[in-house]
PDB file of all heavy atoms in Angstrom:
ATOM      1  N   LEU A   1     111.251  -7.158  30.524  1.00  0.00           N
ATOM      2  CA  LEU A   1     111.093  -6.035  31.435  1.00  0.00           C
ATOM      3  C   LEU A   1     112.456  -5.415  31.664  1.00  0.00           C
ATOM      4  O   LEU A   1     113.481  -6.112  31.588  1.00  0.00           O
ATOM      5  CB  LEU A   1     110.519  -6.477  32.785  1.00  0.00           C
ATOM      6  CG  LEU A   1     109.030  -6.792  32.894  1.00  0.00           C
ATOM      7  CD1 LEU A   1     108.732  -7.350  34.285  1.00  0.00           C
ATOM      8  CD2 LEU A   1     108.184  -5.575  32.612  1.00  0.00           C
ATOM      9  N   ARG A   2     112.456  -4.125  31.987  1.00  0.00           N
ATOM     10  CA  ARG A   2     113.687  -3.476  32.394  1.00  0.00           C
ATOM     11  C   ARG A   2     113.482  -2.886  33.780  1.00  0.00           C
ATOM     12  O   ARG A   2     112.623  -2.024  33.980  1.00  0.00           O
ATOM     13  CB  ARG A   2     114.107  -2.371  31.419  1.00  0.00           C
ATOM     14  CG  ARG A   2     115.497  -1.830  31.729  1.00  0.00           C
ATOM     15  CD  ARG A   2     115.911  -0.707  30.804  1.00  0.00           C
ATOM     16  NE  ARG A   2     115.227   0.545  31.102  1.00  0.00           N
ATOM     17  CZ  ARG A   2     115.604   1.733  30.656  1.00  0.00           C
ATOM     18  NH1 ARG A   2     116.667   1.825  29.875  1.00  0.00           N
ATOM     19  NH2 ARG A   2     114.934   2.827  30.962  1.00  0.00           N
ATOM     20  N   LEU A   3     114.278  -3.357  34.716  1.00  0.00           N
ATOM     21  CA  LEU A   3     114.243  -2.833  36.071  1.00  0.00           C
ATOM     22  C   LEU A   3     115.265  -1.716  36.214  1.00  0.00           C
ATOM     23  O   LEU A   3     116.344  -1.768  35.626  1.00  0.00           O
ATOM     24  CB  LEU A   3     114.543  -3.929  37.086  1.00  0.00           C
ATOM     25  CG  LEU A   3     113.650  -5.168  37.045  1.00  0.00           C
ATOM     26  CD1 LEU A   3     114.029  -6.116  38.184  1.00  0.00           C
ATOM     27  CD2 LEU A   3     112.191  -4.820  37.083  1.00  0.00           C
ATOM     28  N   SER A   4     114.911  -0.723  37.023  1.00  0.00           N
ATOM     29  CA  SER A   4     115.807   0.386  37.311  1.00  0.00           C
ATOM     30  C   SER A   4     116.119   0.424  38.796  1.00  0.00           C
ATOM     31  O   SER A   4     115.267   0.101  39.622  1.00  0.00           O
ATOM     32  CB  SER A   4     115.171   1.717  36.904  1.00  0.00           C
ATOM     33  OG  SER A   4     114.869   1.755  35.528  1.00  0.00           O
ATOM     34  N   CYS A   5     117.325   0.833  39.099  1.00  0.00           N
ATOM     35  CA  CYS A   5     117.759   1.018  40.487  1.00  0.00           C
ATOM     36  C   CYS A   5     118.396   2.398  40.557  1.00  0.00           C
ATOM     37  O   CYS A   5     119.536   2.581  40.111  1.00  0.00           O
ATOM     38  CB  CYS A   5     118.746  -0.068  40.881  1.00  0.00           C
ATOM     39  SG  CYS A   5     119.493   0.156  42.512  1.00  0.00           S
ATOM     40  N   ALA A   6     117.655   3.347  41.075  1.00  0.00           N
ATOM     41  CA  ALA A   6     118.119   4.724  41.143  1.00  0.00           C
ATOM     42  C   ALA A   6     118.678   5.017  42.528  1.00  0.00           C
ATOM     43  O   ALA A   6     118.035   4.724  43.541  1.00  0.00           O
ATOM     44  CB  ALA A   6     116.978   5.675  40.822  1.00  0.00           C
ATOM     45  N   ALA A   7     119.862   5.585  42.565  1.00  0.00           N
ATOM     46  CA  ALA A   7     120.509   5.907  43.828  1.00  0.00           C
ATOM     47  C   ALA A   7     120.387   7.392  44.127  1.00  0.00           C
ATOM     48  O   ALA A   7     120.485   8.233  43.226  1.00  0.00           O
ATOM     49  CB  ALA A   7     121.976   5.516  43.785  1.00  0.00           C
ATOM     50  N   SER A   8     120.204   7.693  45.398  1.00  0.00           N
ATOM     51  CA  SER A   8     120.212   9.089  45.838  1.00  0.00           C
ATOM     52  C   SER A   8     120.995   9.179  47.130  1.00  0.00           C
ATOM     53  O   SER A   8     121.029   8.240  47.922  1.00  0.00           O
ATOM     54  CB  SER A   8     118.790   9.616  46.035  1.00  0.00           C
ATOM     55  OG  SER A   8     118.114   8.877  47.024  1.00  0.00           O
ATOM     56  N   GLY A   9     121.664  10.304  47.304  1.00  0.00           N
ATOM     57  CA  GLY A   9     122.455  10.496  48.510  1.00  0.00           C
ATOM     58  C   GLY A   9     123.871   9.973  48.425  1.00  0.00           C
ATOM     59  O   GLY A   9     124.660  10.161  49.348  1.00  0.00           O
ATOM     60  N   PHE A  10     124.195   9.295  47.335  1.00  0.00           N
ATOM     61  CA  PHE A  10     125.558   8.820  47.124  1.00  0.00           C
ATOM     62  C   PHE A  10     125.758   8.532  45.641  1.00  0.00           C
ATOM     63  O   PHE A  10     124.789   8.385  44.895  1.00  0.00           O
ATOM     64  CB  PHE A  10     125.857   7.572  47.956  1.00  0.00           C
ATOM     65  CG  PHE A  10     125.051   6.356  47.563  1.00  0.00           C
ATOM     66  CD1 PHE A  10     125.640   5.315  46.850  1.00  0.00           C
ATOM     67  CD2 PHE A  10     123.717   6.232  47.909  1.00  0.00           C
ATOM     68  CE1 PHE A  10     124.917   4.198  46.508  1.00  0.00           C
ATOM     69  CE2 PHE A  10     122.979   5.115  47.568  1.00  0.00           C
ATOM     70  CZ  PHE A  10     123.584   4.090  46.861  1.00  0.00           C
ATOM     71  N   SER A  11     127.016   8.437  45.253  1.00  0.00           N
ATOM     72  CA  SER A  11     127.335   8.208  43.846  1.00  0.00           C
ATOM     73  C   SER A  11     127.622   6.736  43.596  1.00  0.00           C
ATOM     74  O   SER A  11     128.423   6.109  44.302  1.00  0.00           O
ATOM     75  CB  SER A  11     128.554   9.031  43.441  1.00  0.00           C
ATOM     76  OG  SER A  11     128.986   8.656  42.147  1.00  0.00           O
ATOM     77  N   LEU A  12     126.994   6.194  42.567  1.00  0.00           N
ATOM     78  CA  LEU A  12     127.261   4.810  42.198  1.00  0.00           C
ATOM     79  C   LEU A  12     128.640   4.626  41.573  1.00  0.00           C
ATOM     80  O   LEU A  12     129.038   3.498  41.281  1.00  0.00           O
ATOM     81  CB  LEU A  12     126.179   4.304  41.247  1.00  0.00           C
ATOM     82  CG  LEU A  12     124.781   4.154  41.868  1.00  0.00           C
ATOM     83  CD1 LEU A  12     123.812   3.570  40.851  1.00  0.00           C
ATOM     84  CD2 LEU A  12     124.825   3.296  43.119  1.00  0.00           C
ATOM     85  N   ASP A  13     129.362   5.720  41.360  1.00  0.00           N
ATOM     86  CA  ASP A  13     130.734   5.609  40.860  1.00  0.00           C
ATOM     87  C   ASP A  13     131.629   4.889  41.866  1.00  0.00           C
ATOM     88  O   ASP A  13     132.713   4.419  41.504  1.00  0.00           O
ATOM     89  CB  ASP A  13     131.313   7.001  40.587  1.00  0.00           C
ATOM     90  CG  ASP A  13     130.676   7.673  39.398  1.00  0.00           C
ATOM     91  OD1 ASP A  13     129.936   7.002  38.653  1.00  0.00           O
ATOM     92  OD2 ASP A  13     130.925   8.876  39.191  1.00  0.00           O
ATOM     93  N   TYR A  14     131.179   4.806  43.128  1.00  0.00           N
ATOM     94  CA  TYR A  14     132.006   4.223  44.179  1.00  0.00           C
ATOM     95  C   TYR A  14     131.393   2.969  44.791  1.00  0.00           C
ATOM     96  O   TYR A  14     131.881   2.474  45.813  1.00  0.00           O
ATOM     97  CB  TYR A  14     132.260   5.268  45.269  1.00  0.00           C
ATOM     98  CG  TYR A  14     132.864   6.532  44.728  1.00  0.00           C
ATOM     99  CD1 TYR A  14     132.103   7.686  44.561  1.00  0.00           C
ATOM    100  CD2 TYR A  14     134.206   6.565  44.340  1.00  0.00           C
ATOM    101  CE1 TYR A  14     132.650   8.837  44.036  1.00  0.00           C
ATOM    102  CE2 TYR A  14     134.757   7.721  43.814  1.00  0.00           C
ATOM    103  CZ  TYR A  14     133.982   8.846  43.665  1.00  0.00           C
ATOM    104  OH  TYR A  14     134.532   9.988  43.134  1.00  0.00           O
ATOM    105  N   PHE A  15     130.334   2.478  44.177  1.00  0.00           N
ATOM    106  CA  PHE A  15     129.653   1.311  44.723  1.00  0.00           C
ATOM    107  C   PHE A  15     129.367   0.287  43.627  1.00  0.00           C
ATOM    108  O   PHE A  15     128.914   0.647  42.533  1.00  0.00           O
ATOM    109  CB  PHE A  15     128.317   1.714  45.360  1.00  0.00           C
ATOM    110  CG  PHE A  15     128.455   2.435  46.663  1.00  0.00           C
ATOM    111  CD1 PHE A  15     128.749   3.785  46.695  1.00  0.00           C
ATOM    112  CD2 PHE A  15     128.293   1.757  47.861  1.00  0.00           C
ATOM    113  CE1 PHE A  15     128.889   4.454  47.898  1.00  0.00           C
ATOM    114  CE2 PHE A  15     128.420   2.425  49.068  1.00  0.00           C
ATOM    115  CZ  PHE A  15     128.714   3.764  49.089  1.00  0.00           C
ATOM    116  N   ALA A  16     129.621  -0.965  43.938  1.00  0.00           N
ATOM    117  CA  ALA A  16     129.111  -2.030  43.088  1.00  0.00           C
ATOM    118  C   ALA A  16     127.619  -2.198  43.393  1.00  0.00           C
ATOM    119  O   ALA A  16     127.179  -1.957  44.515  1.00  0.00           O
ATOM    120  CB  ALA A  16     129.849  -3.332  43.373  1.00  0.00           C
ATOM    121  N   ILE A  17     126.867  -2.597  42.393  1.00  0.00           N
ATOM    122  CA  ILE A  17     125.438  -2.812  42.559  1.00  0.00           C
ATOM    123  C   ILE A  17     125.096  -4.254  42.217  1.00  0.00           C
ATOM    124  O   ILE A  17     125.551  -4.802  41.205  1.00  0.00           O
ATOM    125  CB  ILE A  17     124.627  -1.870  41.653  1.00  0.00           C
ATOM    126  CG1 ILE A  17     124.827  -0.424  42.097  1.00  0.00           C
ATOM    127  CG2 ILE A  17     123.143  -2.242  41.699  1.00  0.00           C
ATOM    128  CD1 ILE A  17     124.278  -0.112  43.488  1.00  0.00           C
ATOM    129  N   GLY A  18     124.296  -4.842  43.077  1.00  0.00           N
ATOM    130  CA  GLY A  18     123.823  -6.198  42.833  1.00  0.00           C
ATOM    131  C   GLY A  18     122.312  -6.231  42.740  1.00  0.00           C
ATOM    132  O   GLY A  18     121.625  -5.417  43.356  1.00  0.00           O
ATOM    133  N   TRP A  19     121.825  -7.152  41.928  1.00  0.00           N
ATOM    134  CA  TRP A  19     120.397  -7.450  41.881  1.00  0.00           C
ATOM    135  C   TRP A  19     120.186  -8.824  42.498  1.00  0.00           C
ATOM    136  O   TRP A  19     120.892  -9.777  42.161  1.00  0.00           O
ATOM    137  CB  TRP A  19     119.871  -7.446  40.450  1.00  0.00           C
ATOM    138  CG  TRP A  19     119.641  -6.093  39.878  1.00  0.00           C
ATOM    139  CD1 TRP A  19     120.474  -5.393  39.054  1.00  0.00           C
ATOM    140  CD2 TRP A  19     118.482  -5.265  40.058  1.00  0.00           C
ATOM    141  NE1 TRP A  19     119.908  -4.183  38.725  1.00  0.00           N
ATOM    142  CE2 TRP A  19     118.691  -4.085  39.328  1.00  0.00           C
ATOM    143  CE3 TRP A  19     117.285  -5.411  40.760  1.00  0.00           C
ATOM    144  CZ2 TRP A  19     117.755  -3.048  39.284  1.00  0.00           C
ATOM    145  CZ3 TRP A  19     116.361  -4.386  40.715  1.00  0.00           C
ATOM    146  CH2 TRP A  19     116.589  -3.226  39.982  1.00  0.00           C
ATOM    147  N   PHE A  20     119.183  -8.906  43.357  1.00  0.00           N
ATOM    148  CA  PHE A  20     118.825 -10.148  44.022  1.00  0.00           C
ATOM    149  C   PHE A  20     117.325 -10.342  43.882  1.00  0.00           C
ATOM    150  O   PHE A  20     116.594  -9.394  43.598  1.00  0.00           O
ATOM    151  CB  PHE A  20     119.223 -10.090  45.502  1.00  0.00           C
ATOM    152  CG  PHE A  20     120.690  -9.872  45.712  1.00  0.00           C
ATOM    153  CD1 PHE A  20     121.237  -8.590  45.692  1.00  0.00           C
ATOM    154  CD2 PHE A  20     121.540 -10.949  45.915  1.00  0.00           C
ATOM    155  CE1 PHE A  20     122.604  -8.384  45.863  1.00  0.00           C
ATOM    156  CE2 PHE A  20     122.909 -10.763  46.100  1.00  0.00           C
ATOM    157  CZ  PHE A  20     123.433  -9.473  46.067  1.00  0.00           C
ATOM    158  N   ARG A  21     116.886 -11.552  44.089  1.00  0.00           N
ATOM    159  CA  ARG A  21     115.448 -11.798  44.021  1.00  0.00           C
ATOM    160  C   ARG A  21     115.048 -12.824  45.060  1.00  0.00           C
ATOM    161  O   ARG A  21     115.849 -13.660  45.487  1.00  0.00           O
ATOM    162  CB  ARG A  21     115.033 -12.260  42.624  1.00  0.00           C
ATOM    163  CG  ARG A  21     115.588 -13.612  42.209  1.00  0.00           C
ATOM    164  CD  ARG A  21     115.257 -13.890  40.738  1.00  0.00           C
ATOM    165  NE  ARG A  21     115.739 -15.204  40.312  1.00  0.00           N
ATOM    166  CZ  ARG A  21     115.690 -15.635  39.058  1.00  0.00           C
ATOM    167  NH1 ARG A  21     115.183 -14.855  38.087  1.00  0.00           N
ATOM    168  NH2 ARG A  21     116.137 -16.847  38.747  1.00  0.00           N
ATOM    169  N   GLN A  22     113.778 -12.741  45.446  1.00  0.00           N
ATOM    170  CA  GLN A  22     113.248 -13.702  46.402  1.00  0.00           C
ATOM    171  C   GLN A  22     111.830 -14.061  46.013  1.00  0.00           C
ATOM    172  O   GLN A  22     110.958 -13.196  45.928  1.00  0.00           O
ATOM    173  CB  GLN A  22     113.283 -13.141  47.823  1.00  0.00           C
ATOM    174  CG  GLN A  22     112.919 -14.162  48.879  1.00  0.00           C
ATOM    175  CD  GLN A  22     113.271 -13.714  50.277  1.00  0.00           C
ATOM    176  OE1 GLN A  22     113.442 -12.532  50.550  1.00  0.00           O
ATOM    177  NE2 GLN A  22     113.418 -14.678  51.186  1.00  0.00           N
ATOM    178  N   ALA A  23     111.633 -15.332  45.766  1.00  0.00           N
ATOM    179  CA  ALA A  23     110.311 -15.852  45.438  1.00  0.00           C
ATOM    180  C   ALA A  23     109.638 -16.334  46.713  1.00  0.00           C
ATOM    181  O   ALA A  23     110.326 -16.667  47.693  1.00  0.00           O
ATOM    182  CB  ALA A  23     110.441 -16.995  44.432  1.00  0.00           C
ATOM    183  N   PRO A  24     108.321 -16.394  46.737  1.00  0.00           N
ATOM    184  CA  PRO A  24     107.616 -16.845  47.942  1.00  0.00           C
ATOM    185  C   PRO A  24     108.085 -18.226  48.380  1.00  0.00           C
ATOM    186  O   PRO A  24     108.176 -19.153  47.565  1.00  0.00           O
ATOM    187  CB  PRO A  24     106.159 -16.869  47.494  1.00  0.00           C
ATOM    188  CG  PRO A  24     106.078 -15.887  46.390  1.00  0.00           C
ATOM    189  CD  PRO A  24     107.392 -15.977  45.673  1.00  0.00           C
ATOM    190  N   GLY A  25     108.410 -18.336  49.654  1.00  0.00           N
ATOM    191  CA  GLY A  25     108.824 -19.617  50.201  1.00  0.00           C
ATOM    192  C   GLY A  25     110.236 -20.035  49.861  1.00  0.00           C
ATOM    193  O   GLY A  25     110.645 -21.148  50.199  1.00  0.00           O
ATOM    194  N   LYS A  26     110.963 -19.153  49.209  1.00  0.00           N
ATOM    195  CA  LYS A  26     112.339 -19.492  48.825  1.00  0.00           C
ATOM    196  C   LYS A  26     113.317 -18.498  49.420  1.00  0.00           C
ATOM    197  O   LYS A  26     112.963 -17.385  49.788  1.00  0.00           O
ATOM    198  CB  LYS A  26     112.473 -19.512  47.297  1.00  0.00           C
ATOM    199  CG  LYS A  26     111.668 -20.612  46.618  1.00  0.00           C
ATOM    200  CD  LYS A  26     111.982 -20.684  45.135  1.00  0.00           C
ATOM    201  CE  LYS A  26     111.241 -21.829  44.467  1.00  0.00           C
ATOM    202  NZ  LYS A  26     111.558 -21.912  43.015  1.00  0.00           N
ATOM    203  N   GLU A  27     114.571 -18.910  49.464  1.00  0.00           N
ATOM    204  CA  GLU A  27     115.607 -18.021  49.949  1.00  0.00           C
ATOM    205  C   GLU A  27     115.959 -16.980  48.884  1.00  0.00           C
ATOM    206  O   GLU A  27     115.768 -17.208  47.681  1.00  0.00           O
ATOM    207  CB  GLU A  27     116.859 -18.821  50.316  1.00  0.00           C
ATOM    208  CG  GLU A  27     116.678 -19.712  51.531  1.00  0.00           C
ATOM    209  CD  GLU A  27     117.978 -20.352  51.979  1.00  0.00           C
ATOM    210  OE1 GLU A  27     118.987 -20.172  51.283  1.00  0.00           O
ATOM    211  OE2 GLU A  27     117.968 -21.027  53.010  1.00  0.00           O
ATOM    212  N   ARG A  28     116.492 -15.870  49.348  1.00  0.00           N
ATOM    213  CA  ARG A  28     116.942 -14.839  48.432  1.00  0.00           C
ATOM    214  C   ARG A  28     118.128 -15.375  47.621  1.00  0.00           C
ATOM    215  O   ARG A  28     119.001 -16.049  48.167  1.00  0.00           O
ATOM    216  CB  ARG A  28     117.343 -13.587  49.204  1.00  0.00           C
ATOM    217  CG  ARG A  28     117.730 -12.410  48.331  1.00  0.00           C
ATOM    218  CD  ARG A  28     117.808 -11.150  49.174  1.00  0.00           C
ATOM    219  NE  ARG A  28     118.759 -11.252  50.243  1.00  0.00           N
ATOM    220  CZ  ARG A  28     118.827 -10.414  51.274  1.00  0.00           C
ATOM    221  NH1 ARG A  28     117.957  -9.405  51.353  1.00  0.00           N
ATOM    222  NH2 ARG A  28     119.747 -10.562  52.210  1.00  0.00           N
ATOM    223  N   GLU A  29     118.140 -15.059  46.329  1.00  0.00           N
ATOM    224  CA  GLU A  29     119.239 -15.512  45.484  1.00  0.00           C
ATOM    225  C   GLU A  29     119.792 -14.343  44.686  1.00  0.00           C
ATOM    226  O   GLU A  29     119.095 -13.386  44.366  1.00  0.00           O
ATOM    227  CB  GLU A  29     118.778 -16.623  44.541  1.00  0.00           C
ATOM    228  CG  GLU A  29     117.707 -16.216  43.547  1.00  0.00           C
ATOM    229  CD  GLU A  29     117.418 -17.317  42.531  1.00  0.00           C
ATOM    230  OE1 GLU A  29     118.204 -18.269  42.399  1.00  0.00           O
ATOM    231  OE2 GLU A  29     116.387 -17.192  41.847  1.00  0.00           O
ATOM    232  N   ALA A  30     121.059 -14.462  44.367  1.00  0.00           N
ATOM    233  CA  ALA A  30     121.711 -13.428  43.563  1.00  0.00           C
ATOM    234  C   ALA A  30     121.345 -13.607  42.099  1.00  0.00           C
ATOM    235  O   ALA A  30     121.197 -14.732  41.606  1.00  0.00           O
ATOM    236  CB  ALA A  30     123.219 -13.505  43.734  1.00  0.00           C
ATOM    237  N   VAL A  31     121.193 -12.491  41.418  1.00  0.00           N
ATOM    238  CA  VAL A  31     120.865 -12.503  39.996  1.00  0.00           C
ATOM    239  C   VAL A  31     122.029 -11.981  39.163  1.00  0.00           C
ATOM    240  O   VAL A  31     122.481 -12.645  38.228  1.00  0.00           O
ATOM    241  CB  VAL A  31     119.610 -11.648  39.734  1.00  0.00           C
ATOM    242  CG1 VAL A  31     119.322 -11.557  38.235  1.00  0.00           C
ATOM    243  CG2 VAL A  31     118.410 -12.209  40.491  1.00  0.00           C
ATOM    244  N   SER A  32     122.519 -10.800  39.520  1.00  0.00           N
ATOM    245  CA  SER A  32     123.561 -10.175  38.726  1.00  0.00           C
ATOM    246  C   SER A  32     124.209  -9.070  39.529  1.00  0.00           C
ATOM    247  O   SER A  32     123.649  -8.599  40.526  1.00  0.00           O
ATOM    248  CB  SER A  32     122.958  -9.596  37.438  1.00  0.00           C
ATOM    249  OG  SER A  32     123.953  -9.007  36.623  1.00  0.00           O
ATOM    250  N   CYS A  33     125.400  -8.661  39.117  1.00  0.00           N
ATOM    251  CA  CYS A  33     126.040  -7.511  39.748  1.00  0.00           C
ATOM    252  C   CYS A  33     126.913  -6.795  38.726  1.00  0.00           C
ATOM    253  O   CYS A  33     127.290  -7.365  37.689  1.00  0.00           O
ATOM    254  CB  CYS A  33     126.839  -7.906  40.975  1.00  0.00           C
ATOM    255  SG  CYS A  33     128.283  -8.934  40.653  1.00  0.00           S
TER     256      CYS A  33
END
């Protein structure tokens, strides 16, 4: 699968982006940035 994260109202040129995930009953975990 390919997930997309589209930003509006600001430029991603000035922000790092992280992907996180949370499974049922589990804590949120970092995936990538």
